[in-house]
């Protein structure tokens, strides 16, 4: 259905005269008549009766009127849903308890006027494809591969890695620990999926410091992992400093910083440079760039995503 003709119908219905509707729409009276006539032919119904006093709605015109108004409202909502600055900024985070979600929450606290739509995709490949397709505006990821030319990534946050142990673990009392001092200890991370960016990061971490990271067993999620770590004298795991973890008080888990050097996970913001959404520019400005902190380690592939 021709929305211009529907708008013209509404203008005539509201003004009561074809001439007044033409003035309101800034078109000729002849154009108004042609649009209304085309709409009547398409509906196979007469919408107006022309009288000396103007244009009066017929019974069919009165029946069509509320639907015509809803058509225009629906069209306006549809246009607003994709208009930059009007639709929500759609951003992918690797997990809702992890650092990227925390970064996004911090942005929302400073700009509560901007609408956000937060999604969680599986890995960087899926995120890059979604950015290219326009189904999301941006993604927080570590970038372990070359990106397509139409996608950009900027490193925005370096997150220190911590060791998590149970209360009876040999390292539980440590205030901090060197990464190479973990050689020979059992680090258990069943959630490492081969081919993902987080698996690439921890593979390089293990190689750099002579560690053994076990991925055996099914991944039942964070809570079962923490239950096992809490009861173990030998198993530990790695988490990011900003990862939100909640465990029962009697678990007595320890989060131990790694030092000399501090491994950091390199979060980058992936986006299309030609994306005009103003909230995306505001997010990028809010994030800035990670400070250059001496004494940190990250894989060589993360230096320039």
Protein backbone atom coordinates (compact mmCIF):
# COMPACT_ATOMS: atom_id res chain seq x y z
CA UNK A 1 0.00 0.00 0.00
CA UNK A 2 1.29 3.45 -0.96
CA UNK A 3 2.03 5.20 2.35
CA UNK A 4 2.12 8.60 0.64
CA UNK A 5 -1.44 8.01 -0.51
CA UNK A 6 -2.45 6.93 3.00
CA UNK A 7 -0.90 10.10 4.46
CA UNK A 8 -2.77 12.14 1.86
CA UNK A 9 -6.03 10.42 2.80
CA UNK A 10 -5.43 11.31 6.44
CA UNK A 11 -4.65 14.92 5.58
CA UNK A 12 -7.93 15.26 3.65
CA UNK A 13 -9.85 13.55 6.46
CA UNK A 14 -8.33 15.90 9.06
CA UNK A 15 -8.57 19.11 6.99
CA UNK A 16 -11.96 18.36 5.45
CA UNK A 17 -10.99 19.89 2.09
CA UNK A 18 -8.69 18.72 -0.72
CA UNK A 19 -7.35 22.27 -1.12
CA UNK A 20 -6.41 22.56 2.57
CA UNK A 21 -4.80 19.11 2.53
CA UNK A 22 -2.72 20.17 -0.49
CA UNK A 23 -1.49 23.23 1.39
CA UNK A 24 -0.60 21.14 4.44
CA UNK A 25 1.32 18.59 2.38
CA UNK A 26 2.95 21.26 0.15
CA UNK A 27 1.69 19.57 -3.04
CA UNK A 28 -0.88 20.56 -5.64
CA UNK A 29 -4.58 19.91 -5.23
CA UNK A 30 -4.41 17.80 -8.40
CA UNK A 31 -1.74 15.60 -6.76
CA UNK A 32 -3.98 15.15 -3.72
CA UNK A 33 -6.88 14.08 -5.94
CA UNK A 34 -4.69 11.61 -7.86
CA UNK A 35 -3.33 10.02 -4.68
CA UNK A 36 -6.76 9.61 -3.15
CA UNK A 37 -8.16 8.22 -6.40
CA UNK A 38 -5.31 5.69 -6.62
CA UNK A 39 -5.93 4.63 -3.03
CA UNK A 40 -9.66 4.20 -3.69
CA UNK A 41 -8.92 2.06 -6.76
CA UNK A 42 -6.53 -0.10 -4.77
CA UNK A 43 -9.08 -0.60 -2.00
CA UNK A 44 -12.00 -0.88 -4.41
CA UNK A 45 -13.91 1.50 -2.15
CA UNK A 46 -14.99 5.13 -2.21
CA UNK A 47 -13.46 7.00 0.74
CA UNK A 48 -14.83 10.53 0.34
CA UNK A 49 -18.02 12.22 -0.79
CA UNK A 50 -17.28 15.62 -2.31
CA UNK A 51 -19.79 18.31 -1.31
CA UNK A 52 -19.98 22.09 -1.46
CA UNK A 53 -18.69 22.16 2.11
CA UNK A 54 -15.68 19.98 1.35
CA UNK A 55 -14.79 16.29 1.52
CA UNK A 56 -16.81 14.05 3.84
CA UNK A 57 -15.77 10.51 4.78
CA UNK A 58 -18.00 7.76 3.44
CA UNK A 59 -18.87 4.77 5.61
CA UNK A 60 -15.93 2.94 4.05
CA UNK A 61 -13.70 5.96 4.68
CA UNK A 62 -14.72 6.01 8.34
CA UNK A 63 -13.96 2.29 8.62
CA UNK A 64 -10.55 2.75 6.98
CA UNK A 65 -9.57 5.83 9.03
CA UNK A 66 -8.31 4.17 12.28
CA UNK A 67 -6.40 1.54 10.28
CA UNK A 68 -4.80 4.26 8.15
CA UNK A 69 -3.60 6.04 11.27
CA UNK A 70 -2.14 2.79 12.63
CA UNK A 71 -0.41 2.13 9.29
CA UNK A 72 1.40 5.46 9.50
CA UNK A 73 2.30 4.95 13.16
CA UNK A 74 3.68 1.49 12.32
CA UNK A 75 5.72 2.94 9.45
CA UNK A 76 7.15 5.60 11.73
CA UNK A 77 8.06 2.99 14.36
CA UNK A 78 9.71 0.83 11.69
CA UNK A 79 11.80 3.75 10.44
CA UNK A 80 12.78 4.76 13.97
CA UNK A 81 13.92 1.21 14.75
CA UNK A 82 16.79 1.49 12.25
CA UNK A 83 17.47 5.21 12.36
CA UNK A 84 20.92 5.94 13.89
CA UNK A 85 20.49 7.33 17.35
CA UNK A 86 16.91 6.09 17.67
CA UNK A 87 17.36 2.33 17.86
CA UNK A 88 19.23 0.67 20.70
CA UNK A 89 22.98 0.12 20.32
CA UNK A 90 23.39 -3.65 19.94
CA UNK A 91 26.58 -4.92 21.59
CA UNK A 92 27.94 -8.44 22.03
CA UNK A 93 29.73 -9.47 25.22
CA UNK A 94 31.44 -12.81 25.73
CA UNK A 95 29.54 -13.46 28.98
CA UNK A 96 27.31 -11.45 31.30
CA UNK A 97 29.54 -12.05 34.35
CA UNK A 98 32.77 -11.14 32.57
CA UNK A 99 34.70 -7.90 32.15
CA UNK A 100 33.08 -6.72 28.88
CA UNK A 101 29.63 -6.75 30.47
CA UNK A 102 31.07 -4.79 33.40
CA UNK A 103 32.60 -2.25 30.99
CA UNK A 104 29.24 -1.88 29.27
CA UNK A 105 27.47 -1.40 32.61
CA UNK A 106 29.95 1.36 33.43
CA UNK A 107 29.17 3.07 30.13
CA UNK A 108 25.43 2.82 30.76
CA UNK A 109 25.83 4.42 34.19
CA UNK A 110 27.44 7.46 32.55
CA UNK A 111 24.92 7.56 29.66
CA UNK A 112 21.58 6.22 30.93
CA UNK A 113 19.87 8.16 28.13
CA UNK A 114 21.24 5.74 25.51
CA UNK A 115 19.43 2.46 24.87
CA UNK A 116 21.54 -0.71 24.86
CA UNK A 117 20.70 -4.17 23.59
CA UNK A 118 23.20 -6.67 25.03
CA UNK A 119 23.68 -10.04 23.35
CA UNK A 120 26.06 -12.97 23.85
CA UNK A 121 27.55 -14.71 20.83
CA UNK A 122 29.75 -17.80 21.00
CA UNK A 123 33.15 -16.71 19.76
CA UNK A 124 35.08 -14.02 17.87
CA UNK A 125 34.31 -15.55 14.46
CA UNK A 126 30.57 -15.33 15.10
CA UNK A 127 30.98 -11.79 16.46
CA UNK A 128 32.98 -10.57 13.45
CA UNK A 129 30.43 -12.06 11.05
CA UNK A 130 27.61 -10.34 12.94
CA UNK A 131 29.42 -6.98 12.90
CA UNK A 132 29.99 -7.29 9.15
CA UNK A 133 26.35 -8.25 8.55
CA UNK A 134 25.09 -5.37 10.69
CA UNK A 135 23.14 -7.59 13.09
CA UNK A 136 25.21 -6.14 15.94
CA UNK A 137 27.00 -2.79 16.20
CA UNK A 138 30.02 -3.91 18.20
CA UNK A 139 31.59 -6.76 20.14
CA UNK A 140 34.07 -7.02 22.99
CA UNK A 141 36.59 -9.74 22.12
CA UNK A 142 40.22 -10.71 22.17
CA UNK A 143 41.29 -10.72 18.54
CA UNK A 144 43.49 -13.69 17.72
CA UNK A 145 43.24 -13.54 13.92
CA UNK A 146 43.45 -11.10 11.03
CA UNK A 147 40.21 -9.20 10.57
CA UNK A 148 38.45 -8.39 7.28
CA UNK A 149 39.27 -4.97 5.84
CA UNK A 150 35.80 -3.61 6.62
CA UNK A 151 36.07 -4.41 10.35
CA UNK A 152 38.24 -2.61 12.89
CA UNK A 153 39.33 -3.61 16.38
CA UNK A 154 40.82 -1.36 19.03
CA UNK A 155 42.21 -2.64 22.29
CA UNK A 156 40.22 -1.02 25.08
CA UNK A 157 40.89 -2.95 28.29
CA UNK A 158 43.66 -5.15 29.69
CA UNK A 159 42.23 -7.39 32.40
CA UNK A 160 44.65 -8.97 34.91
CA UNK A 161 44.31 -12.73 35.35
CA UNK A 162 43.91 -14.25 38.83
CA UNK A 163 44.31 -17.74 40.25
CA UNK A 164 41.35 -19.24 42.12
CA UNK A 165 42.02 -21.96 44.71
CA UNK A 166 40.18 -23.71 47.49
CA UNK A 167 41.08 -23.01 51.15
CA UNK A 168 43.20 -26.17 51.46
CA UNK A 169 45.26 -25.67 48.31
CA UNK A 170 49.03 -25.35 48.74
CA UNK A 171 48.94 -21.80 47.33
CA UNK A 172 45.82 -20.60 49.17
CA UNK A 173 47.74 -18.41 51.61
CA UNK A 174 49.78 -16.60 48.93
CA UNK A 175 49.25 -12.83 48.63
CA UNK A 176 50.39 -13.02 44.99
CA UNK A 177 52.24 -15.52 42.84
CA UNK A 178 54.51 -15.51 39.81
CA UNK A 179 53.04 -17.25 36.75
CA UNK A 180 56.09 -19.49 36.34
CA UNK A 181 55.70 -20.64 39.95
CA UNK A 182 52.52 -22.43 38.83
CA UNK A 183 54.51 -24.92 36.76
CA UNK A 184 53.69 -28.40 38.03
CA UNK A 185 50.38 -27.31 39.59
CA UNK A 186 47.09 -28.52 38.12
CA UNK A 187 45.15 -25.72 36.45
CA UNK A 188 41.69 -26.92 35.45
CA UNK A 189 39.66 -25.03 32.82
CA UNK A 190 37.05 -27.33 31.23
CA UNK A 191 35.44 -24.38 29.42
CA UNK A 192 38.36 -23.89 27.00
CA UNK A 193 36.99 -24.67 23.54
CA UNK A 194 39.62 -25.30 20.84
CA UNK A 195 39.61 -22.65 18.14
CA UNK A 196 38.17 -19.89 20.32
CA UNK A 197 40.01 -16.71 21.21
CA UNK A 198 40.06 -17.53 24.92
CA UNK A 199 41.55 -20.96 24.22
CA UNK A 200 44.24 -19.29 22.08
CA UNK A 201 45.05 -16.92 24.94
CA UNK A 202 45.42 -19.62 27.58
CA UNK A 203 47.37 -21.88 25.22
CA UNK A 204 49.91 -19.09 24.78
CA UNK A 205 49.91 -18.36 28.52
CA UNK A 206 50.67 -22.01 29.28
CA UNK A 207 53.46 -22.11 26.70
CA UNK A 208 55.04 -18.86 27.91
CA UNK A 209 55.29 -19.94 31.56
CA UNK A 210 55.59 -23.72 31.29
CA UNK A 211 52.12 -24.42 32.68
CA UNK A 212 49.80 -27.35 32.19
CA UNK A 213 46.13 -26.42 31.75
CA UNK A 214 43.74 -29.35 31.90
CA UNK A 215 40.51 -29.20 29.89
CA UNK A 216 39.28 -32.70 30.70
CA UNK A 217 35.68 -33.38 31.60
CA UNK A 218 32.45 -31.69 30.50
CA UNK A 219 31.90 -27.99 31.17
CA UNK A 220 28.90 -27.78 33.53
CA UNK A 221 29.33 -24.04 34.12
CA UNK A 222 30.90 -21.75 36.68
CA UNK A 223 29.15 -22.95 39.85
CA UNK A 224 30.06 -26.67 39.49
CA UNK A 225 33.63 -25.65 38.63
CA UNK A 226 33.88 -23.57 41.81
CA UNK A 227 32.35 -26.39 43.86
CA UNK A 228 35.12 -28.72 42.67
CA UNK A 229 37.89 -26.15 43.21
CA UNK A 230 36.63 -25.43 46.75
CA UNK A 231 36.95 -29.09 47.77
CA UNK A 232 40.29 -29.76 46.05
CA UNK A 233 43.79 -29.60 47.51
CA UNK A 234 45.40 -29.75 44.04
CA UNK A 235 43.12 -28.11 41.47
CA UNK A 236 43.04 -24.38 40.71
CA UNK A 237 41.66 -22.30 37.86
CA UNK A 238 42.14 -18.91 36.21
CA UNK A 239 39.62 -16.07 36.08
CA UNK A 240 39.71 -12.43 35.03
CA UNK A 241 40.03 -9.80 37.74
CA UNK A 242 36.62 -8.30 36.82
CA UNK A 243 34.80 -11.62 36.50
CA UNK A 244 31.83 -11.62 38.86
CA UNK A 245 31.85 -14.78 40.95
CA UNK A 246 29.49 -15.68 43.79
CA UNK A 247 30.04 -18.71 45.98
CA UNK A 248 28.73 -19.96 49.34
CA UNK A 249 30.53 -18.60 52.38
CA UNK A 250 31.71 -22.03 53.46
CA UNK A 251 33.59 -22.55 50.17
CA UNK A 252 36.42 -20.31 51.37
CA UNK A 253 37.75 -19.76 47.85
CA UNK A 254 40.80 -17.53 47.28
CA UNK A 255 41.44 -15.14 44.38
CA UNK A 256 45.19 -14.66 44.08
CA UNK A 257 46.76 -11.99 41.82
CA UNK A 258 49.52 -13.02 39.42
CA UNK A 259 52.62 -10.80 39.48
CA UNK A 260 56.04 -10.46 37.81
CA UNK A 261 54.68 -10.37 35.17
CA UNK A 262 50.93 -9.91 35.37
CA UNK A 263 49.16 -11.73 32.54
CA UNK A 264 46.40 -9.54 31.11
CA UNK A 265 43.56 -10.53 28.83
CA UNK A 266 43.38 -8.07 25.89
CA UNK A 267 39.75 -7.02 25.38
CA UNK A 268 39.18 -5.17 22.09
CA UNK A 269 36.13 -3.40 20.68
CA UNK A 270 35.25 -4.78 17.25
CA UNK A 271 33.13 -2.57 14.98
CA UNK A 272 32.64 -1.31 11.45
CA UNK A 273 34.34 2.10 11.00
CA UNK A 274 31.45 3.21 8.77
CA UNK A 275 28.77 2.49 11.40
CA UNK A 276 27.09 5.91 12.00
CA UNK A 277 25.29 5.08 15.27
CA UNK A 278 26.13 8.01 17.60
CA UNK A 279 26.00 5.79 20.68
CA UNK A 280 28.82 3.69 19.22
CA UNK A 281 31.04 6.77 19.00
CA UNK A 282 30.09 7.63 22.59
CA UNK A 283 30.99 4.11 23.74
CA UNK A 284 34.35 4.24 21.99
CA UNK A 285 35.15 7.62 23.55
CA UNK A 286 34.12 6.35 26.99
CA UNK A 287 36.36 3.30 26.82
CA UNK A 288 39.53 5.06 25.73
CA UNK A 289 42.67 2.93 25.51
CA UNK A 290 44.25 0.73 28.19
CA UNK A 291 47.15 2.37 30.02
CA UNK A 292 50.64 1.14 29.23
CA UNK A 293 51.41 -0.65 32.50
CA UNK A 294 54.90 -2.12 32.83
CA UNK A 295 55.31 -5.66 34.05
CA UNK A 296 52.40 -7.19 32.15
CA UNK A 297 52.23 -10.05 29.66
CA UNK A 298 49.87 -10.77 26.81
CA UNK A 299 50.27 -12.84 23.62
CA UNK A 300 52.12 -11.22 20.73
CA UNK A 301 49.02 -11.50 18.53
CA UNK A 302 47.19 -9.12 20.87
CA UNK A 303 49.62 -6.24 20.45
CA UNK A 304 47.92 -4.82 17.34
CA UNK A 305 44.49 -6.39 16.73
